[in-house]
Amino acid sequence: MNDKELLLLLNESINNIKKELSKIIVGQDDVINDLLACLFSSGHCLLIGVPGLAKTTLIKILSQCLSLSFNRIQFTPDLMPSDITGSEILYEDHSTGKKEFRFIKGPVFSNIVLADEINRTPPKTQSALLQAMQEREVTSSGITFPLPKPFWVLATQNPIEHEGTYPLPEAQQDRFMFSIEIDYPSFEQEQQIAKITTSNINFPNISPVLNGEQIEAFQQLIYKIPVADSVVKYAVSLCRATRPSLPECPNQINQLITWGAGPRASQYLILAAKAYAACEARPSPDINDVKKAAFCVLRHRIVKSFLAETEGISTNEIIKKLLEII
């Protein structure tokens, strides 16, 4: 199958995935588009939203559509790194009496890992995901174990609770390609949700649309998609405009930011733009695709200044101003 046929198949598969998700999930079209773009870009995702917005349900149903293994880890203050990656236990062979240490794989050894309420656990445990997310492998006692392919980490955070939480360090936030904010449904959508969930005991069956091998093929396709130099220039200019120490940062933005996005943001903007174009069966992305990715890629990579905090200016408002200026 050539790249053009693969592009058309990707578009058809995405439409089928959305059709399956709509059996249970009401609305959230933009969130689903962002999640799929993140998946096919081989990136990881941070989901931010208050409880009850079906974050966990969405990821679980999506894993069924993709015919992938799924594990959910509920992060708590007493969770240890070995509870995520796995640990060694002493195994005794009763027939020979021989004893040896064996590595028992943890829940991170799955295609899709949902780190629920990741800010509920201390940084020591949060960092257990760093190697897994970046290198797609886990090391224990000097032995490295590869993780299954594809491998996708999704972490959830509750934005309204701060007591008893541990904010993600900037280094770990940067490992997430996207930060997706999930908002409340509209009145009509919430009415539909209330009606469906209080009347149907058995949820409809979800049919698998893609398997792991096909997803890997689509992920490789994203990297092959050509990008015009003007689009690359725009993405890099956008990222450099978030850095107060550089002359490219506009004056009205400079005073609102203390720390901007690094070079990884430029890479993710291009990858996301490619993914958005591919999902619509377009052979190459344009500047509008970069703009579409800007909020998801930049919102967790910008550190606001004291002035922005005191005046109640959100990161989304800063990004919106950037898009108007650049």
Protein backbone atom coordinates (compact mmCIF):
# COMPACT_ATOMS: atom_id res chain seq x y z
CA MET A 1 0.00 0.00 0.00
CA ASN A 2 1.47 3.36 -1.04
CA ASP A 3 1.41 6.53 1.07
CA LYS A 4 -1.59 8.02 -0.73
CA GLU A 5 -3.70 4.92 -0.12
CA LEU A 6 -2.50 4.85 3.49
CA LEU A 7 -3.56 8.49 3.90
CA LEU A 8 -7.07 7.71 2.64
CA LEU A 9 -7.26 4.65 4.89
CA LEU A 10 -6.26 6.79 7.89
CA ASN A 11 -9.06 9.26 7.14
CA GLU A 12 -11.58 6.44 6.75
CA SER A 13 -10.39 4.77 9.97
CA ILE A 14 -10.73 8.02 11.94
CA ASN A 15 -14.31 8.45 10.75
CA ASN A 16 -15.06 4.87 11.85
CA ILE A 17 -13.43 5.48 15.25
CA LYS A 18 -15.56 8.57 15.79
CA LYS A 19 -18.64 6.58 14.81
CA GLU A 20 -17.84 3.93 17.42
CA LEU A 21 -17.07 6.52 20.11
CA SER A 22 -20.38 8.30 19.46
CA LYS A 23 -22.21 5.17 20.66
CA ILE A 24 -21.22 6.11 24.22
CA ILE A 25 -19.44 9.47 24.22
CA VAL A 26 -21.61 12.55 23.69
CA GLY A 27 -19.91 15.57 22.11
CA GLN A 28 -16.20 16.28 22.83
CA ASP A 29 -15.45 16.38 19.07
CA ASP A 30 -12.44 18.70 19.43
CA VAL A 31 -11.01 16.60 22.27
CA ILE A 32 -11.33 13.42 20.18
CA ASN A 33 -9.63 15.10 17.19
CA ASP A 34 -6.76 16.24 19.43
CA LEU A 35 -6.39 12.80 21.02
CA LEU A 36 -6.20 11.05 17.65
CA ALA A 37 -3.72 13.61 16.30
CA CYS A 38 -1.56 13.03 19.40
CA LEU A 39 -1.75 9.25 19.02
CA PHE A 40 -0.75 9.22 15.35
CA SER A 41 2.07 11.68 16.11
CA SER A 42 3.52 9.14 18.61
CA GLY A 43 3.11 11.66 21.44
CA HIS A 44 1.76 11.48 24.97
CA CYS A 45 -1.14 13.50 26.30
CA LEU A 46 -2.14 15.38 29.46
CA LEU A 47 -5.91 15.65 29.99
CA ILE A 48 -7.10 18.48 32.23
CA GLY A 49 -10.68 18.62 33.43
CA VAL A 50 -12.89 18.48 36.51
CA PRO A 51 -14.28 15.11 37.66
CA GLY A 52 -17.25 13.64 35.82
CA LEU A 53 -16.39 14.71 32.27
CA ALA A 54 -15.86 11.11 31.07
CA LYS A 55 -12.07 11.39 30.70
CA THR A 56 -11.45 7.82 31.85
CA THR A 57 -14.45 6.47 29.92
CA LEU A 58 -13.29 8.18 26.72
CA ILE A 59 -9.80 6.65 26.94
CA LYS A 60 -11.17 3.21 27.79
CA ILE A 61 -13.61 3.21 24.85
CA LEU A 62 -10.90 4.54 22.54
CA SER A 63 -8.60 1.66 23.51
CA GLN A 64 -11.37 -0.77 22.53
CA CYS A 65 -11.72 0.95 19.14
CA LEU A 66 -7.99 0.55 18.61
CA SER A 67 -7.89 -3.06 19.78
CA LEU A 68 -5.03 -2.26 22.17
CA SER A 69 -4.23 -3.38 25.70
CA PHE A 70 -5.25 -0.83 28.33
CA ASN A 71 -4.19 -0.29 31.94
CA ARG A 72 -5.36 2.37 34.34
CA ILE A 73 -3.14 3.46 37.23
CA GLN A 74 -4.85 5.39 40.02
CA PHE A 75 -2.17 7.70 41.39
CA THR A 76 -2.22 8.13 45.18
CA PRO A 77 0.23 9.69 47.69
CA ASP A 78 1.49 6.26 48.80
CA LEU A 79 2.11 4.90 45.27
CA MET A 80 5.70 3.74 44.71
CA PRO A 81 7.69 3.73 41.43
CA SER A 82 7.79 -0.07 41.45
CA ASP A 83 3.98 -0.10 41.55
CA ILE A 84 4.11 1.40 38.06
CA THR A 85 7.15 -0.12 36.39
CA GLY A 86 7.19 -3.49 38.16
CA SER A 87 9.52 -5.11 40.69
CA GLU A 88 11.70 -8.14 41.26
CA ILE A 89 10.48 -10.98 43.44
CA LEU A 90 12.30 -14.01 44.78
CA TYR A 91 11.06 -17.08 42.89
CA GLU A 92 11.70 -20.63 44.12
CA ASP A 93 11.52 -23.65 41.85
CA HIS A 94 10.00 -26.33 44.11
CA SER A 95 11.23 -29.19 41.92
CA THR A 96 14.91 -28.19 42.15
CA GLY A 97 14.93 -25.88 45.16
CA LYS A 98 16.69 -23.24 43.09
CA LYS A 99 15.95 -19.63 43.96
CA GLU A 100 16.24 -16.62 41.64
CA PHE A 101 14.96 -13.08 41.24
CA ARG A 102 12.38 -12.52 38.51
CA PHE A 103 11.08 -9.23 37.22
CA ILE A 104 7.29 -8.93 37.41
CA LYS A 105 6.10 -6.35 34.92
CA GLY A 106 3.95 -3.49 36.21
CA PRO A 107 0.90 -1.85 34.63
CA VAL A 108 3.10 0.41 32.48
CA PHE A 109 3.64 -2.60 30.21
CA SER A 110 0.56 -1.91 28.12
CA ASN A 111 -0.23 -0.21 24.82
CA ILE A 112 -2.33 2.51 26.47
CA VAL A 113 -1.57 3.62 30.03
CA LEU A 114 -3.96 5.97 31.80
CA ALA A 115 -2.23 7.76 34.69
CA ASP A 116 -5.33 8.91 36.58
CA GLU A 117 -4.83 12.05 38.70
CA ILE A 118 -1.07 12.05 38.15
CA ASN A 119 -0.62 15.08 40.42
CA ARG A 120 -1.85 13.06 43.43
CA THR A 121 1.49 11.25 43.81
CA PRO A 122 4.95 12.62 44.81
CA PRO A 123 7.56 13.55 42.14
CA LYS A 124 9.56 10.41 42.90
CA THR A 125 6.72 8.25 41.60
CA GLN A 126 5.77 10.67 38.82
CA SER A 127 9.32 10.39 37.47
CA ALA A 128 8.90 6.62 37.11
CA LEU A 129 7.07 7.40 33.88
CA LEU A 130 9.89 9.55 32.44
CA GLN A 131 12.01 6.78 30.93
CA ALA A 132 8.93 4.89 29.80
CA MET A 133 7.52 7.94 28.00
CA GLN A 134 10.75 9.09 26.38
CA GLU A 135 12.61 5.85 25.64
CA ARG A 136 9.68 3.40 25.47
CA GLU A 137 11.52 1.08 27.87
CA VAL A 138 11.94 0.32 31.58
CA THR A 139 15.21 -0.50 33.37
CA SER A 140 15.30 -2.62 36.52
CA SER A 141 18.48 -3.91 38.20
CA GLY A 142 20.52 -3.00 35.14
CA ILE A 143 18.27 -4.91 32.73
CA THR A 144 16.23 -2.98 30.16
CA PHE A 145 12.80 -4.22 29.15
CA PRO A 146 11.16 -2.81 25.98
CA LEU A 147 7.57 -1.63 26.24
CA PRO A 148 4.89 -2.86 23.82
CA LYS A 149 4.34 -0.98 20.56
CA PRO A 150 2.52 1.29 20.12
CA PHE A 151 2.92 2.86 23.57
CA TRP A 152 0.75 5.80 24.61
CA VAL A 153 0.58 7.51 28.02
CA LEU A 154 -2.41 9.65 28.94
CA ALA A 155 -2.43 11.45 32.27
CA THR A 156 -5.38 13.24 33.88
CA GLN A 157 -5.36 16.21 36.24
CA ASN A 158 -8.08 17.98 38.20
CA PRO A 159 -7.44 21.74 37.73
CA ILE A 160 -9.50 22.91 40.71
CA GLU A 161 -7.84 20.93 43.51
CA HIS A 162 -4.41 21.94 44.82
CA GLU A 163 -4.41 20.72 48.42
CA GLY A 164 -2.56 17.43 48.81
CA THR A 165 -1.32 17.47 45.22
CA TYR A 166 2.14 17.56 43.66
CA PRO A 167 2.34 19.72 40.51
CA LEU A 168 4.17 18.02 37.66
CA PRO A 169 7.76 19.26 37.26
CA GLU A 170 8.41 21.23 34.07
CA ALA A 171 10.76 18.50 32.82
CA GLN A 172 7.98 15.93 32.95
CA GLN A 173 5.33 18.25 31.54
CA ASP A 174 7.60 18.75 28.53
CA ARG A 175 7.44 15.00 27.86
CA PHE A 176 3.75 15.35 27.09
CA MET A 177 3.15 16.41 23.51
CA PHE A 178 -0.37 17.74 24.19
CA SER A 179 -2.19 19.30 27.10
CA ILE A 180 -5.90 19.03 26.33
CA GLU A 181 -8.48 20.90 28.36
CA ILE A 182 -11.88 19.21 28.62
CA ASP A 183 -14.74 21.62 29.28
CA TYR A 184 -18.33 21.09 30.42
CA PRO A 185 -20.78 19.81 27.77
CA SER A 186 -23.43 22.10 26.31
CA PHE A 187 -26.97 22.11 27.74
CA GLU A 188 -28.27 19.84 24.96
CA GLN A 189 -25.30 17.44 25.33
CA GLU A 190 -25.65 17.25 29.11
CA GLN A 191 -29.38 16.58 28.70
CA GLN A 192 -28.54 13.72 26.33
CA ILE A 193 -25.89 12.36 28.71
CA ALA A 194 -28.30 12.37 31.64
CA LYS A 195 -30.96 10.60 29.56
CA ILE A 196 -28.65 7.88 28.17
CA THR A 197 -26.71 7.04 31.34
CA THR A 198 -29.82 6.74 33.54
CA SER A 199 -31.85 4.53 31.20
CA ASN A 200 -29.44 2.06 29.56
CA ILE A 201 -28.01 -0.62 31.82
CA ASN A 202 -25.95 -2.30 29.09
CA PHE A 203 -23.72 -0.10 26.96
CA PRO A 204 -23.53 -0.90 23.23
CA ASN A 205 -20.66 -3.05 22.00
CA ILE A 206 -17.63 -1.25 20.57
CA SER A 207 -16.16 -2.74 17.38
CA PRO A 208 -12.37 -2.60 16.91
CA VAL A 209 -11.34 -0.38 14.01
CA LEU A 210 -7.53 -0.55 14.03
CA ASN A 211 -4.85 -2.82 15.44
CA GLY A 212 -1.35 -2.04 16.69
CA GLU A 213 0.37 -2.82 13.39
CA GLN A 214 -1.88 -0.43 11.47
CA ILE A 215 -1.39 2.33 14.05
CA GLU A 216 2.40 1.99 13.76
CA ALA A 217 2.10 2.27 9.96
CA PHE A 218 0.07 5.47 10.35
CA GLN A 219 2.61 6.86 12.83
CA GLN A 220 5.41 6.26 10.32
CA LEU A 221 3.29 7.91 7.62
CA ILE A 222 3.04 11.13 9.68
CA TYR A 223 6.84 11.48 9.65
CA LYS A 224 6.91 11.08 5.86
CA ILE A 225 4.48 13.94 5.18
CA PRO A 226 6.30 16.93 3.62
CA VAL A 227 6.03 20.38 5.19
CA ALA A 228 6.57 23.72 3.44
CA ASP A 229 9.44 25.87 4.76
CA SER A 230 6.98 28.70 5.44
CA VAL A 231 5.01 26.44 7.81
CA VAL A 232 8.17 25.37 9.65
CA LYS A 233 9.26 29.02 9.90
CA TYR A 234 5.89 30.01 11.37
CA ALA A 235 6.01 27.20 13.98
CA VAL A 236 9.54 28.12 15.08
CA SER A 237 8.67 31.85 15.17
CA LEU A 238 5.67 31.09 17.36
CA CYS A 239 7.79 29.15 19.86
CA ARG A 240 10.60 31.70 19.95
CA ALA A 241 8.07 34.46 20.61
CA THR A 242 7.30 32.79 23.97
CA ARG A 243 10.88 33.24 25.25
CA PRO A 244 11.30 36.54 27.15
CA SER A 245 15.09 36.45 26.81
CA LEU A 246 14.93 36.62 23.01
CA PRO A 247 14.34 39.74 20.88
CA GLU A 248 11.62 37.83 18.96
CA CYS A 249 9.35 37.99 22.02
CA PRO A 250 6.85 40.89 21.55
CA ASN A 251 6.78 43.53 24.29
CA GLN A 252 3.14 42.88 25.22
CA ILE A 253 3.96 39.18 25.68
CA ASN A 254 7.35 39.63 27.36
CA GLN A 255 5.86 41.02 30.57
CA LEU A 256 3.37 38.14 30.86
CA ILE A 257 5.86 35.24 30.63
CA THR A 258 8.84 34.26 32.79
CA TRP A 259 9.73 31.10 30.89
CA GLY A 260 8.80 30.02 27.38
CA ALA A 261 8.56 26.88 25.28
CA GLY A 262 11.71 24.96 24.32
CA PRO A 263 12.74 23.48 20.96
CA ARG A 264 10.64 20.37 21.61
CA ALA A 265 7.55 22.57 21.21
CA SER A 266 8.62 23.49 17.66
CA GLN A 267 8.97 19.81 16.80
CA TYR A 268 5.58 18.97 18.28
CA LEU A 269 3.87 21.85 16.46
CA ILE A 270 5.11 20.48 13.13
CA LEU A 271 4.21 16.88 14.00
CA ALA A 272 0.75 17.90 15.20
CA ALA A 273 0.17 19.99 12.07
CA LYS A 274 1.09 16.95 9.96
CA ALA A 275 -1.29 14.77 11.96
CA TYR A 276 -4.21 17.20 11.63
CA ALA A 277 -3.65 17.35 7.86
CA ALA A 278 -3.32 13.56 7.56
CA CYS A 279 -6.50 12.98 9.57
CA GLU A 280 -8.35 15.01 6.92
CA ALA A 281 -6.54 13.17 4.07
CA ARG A 282 -4.58 16.30 3.10
CA PRO A 283 -1.06 15.61 1.73
CA SER A 284 0.61 18.52 3.56
CA PRO A 285 -0.20 20.85 6.49
CA ASP A 286 -0.58 24.62 6.36
CA ILE A 287 -0.22 27.44 8.89
CA ASN A 288 -3.81 26.95 10.11
CA ASP A 289 -2.85 23.44 11.26
CA VAL A 290 -0.01 24.93 13.32
CA LYS A 291 -2.44 27.44 14.85
CA LYS A 292 -4.82 24.59 15.67
CA ALA A 293 -2.04 22.79 17.53
CA ALA A 294 -0.72 25.88 19.32
CA PHE A 295 -2.96 25.71 22.40
CA CYS A 296 -2.42 21.98 23.03
CA VAL A 297 1.35 22.21 22.53
CA LEU A 298 2.14 25.51 24.26
CA ARG A 299 -0.27 25.81 27.22
CA HIS A 300 1.77 23.55 29.53
CA ARG A 301 5.14 24.91 28.35
CA ILE A 302 4.59 28.56 29.23
CA VAL A 303 5.27 29.81 32.76
CA LYS A 304 3.26 32.96 33.51
CA SER A 305 4.78 36.01 35.20
CA PHE A 306 3.63 37.51 38.49
CA LEU A 307 1.90 40.27 36.51
CA ALA A 308 -0.13 37.74 34.50
CA GLU A 309 -1.05 35.91 37.71
CA THR A 310 -2.20 39.03 39.54
CA GLU A 311 -4.24 40.29 36.57
CA GLY A 312 -5.85 36.88 36.08
CA ILE A 313 -4.56 36.42 32.53
CA SER A 314 -4.74 32.75 31.56
CA THR A 315 -2.18 30.87 29.47
CA ASN A 316 -4.82 30.43 26.78
CA GLU A 317 -5.24 34.21 26.57
CA ILE A 318 -1.47 34.63 26.18
CA ILE A 319 -1.39 32.09 23.35
CA LYS A 320 -4.34 33.81 21.70
CA LYS A 321 -2.46 37.13 21.79
CA LEU A 322 0.60 35.41 20.31
CA LEU A 323 -1.42 34.04 17.41
CA GLU A 324 -2.79 37.52 16.72
CA ILE A 325 0.70 39.05 16.70
CA ILE A 326 2.82 36.42 14.93
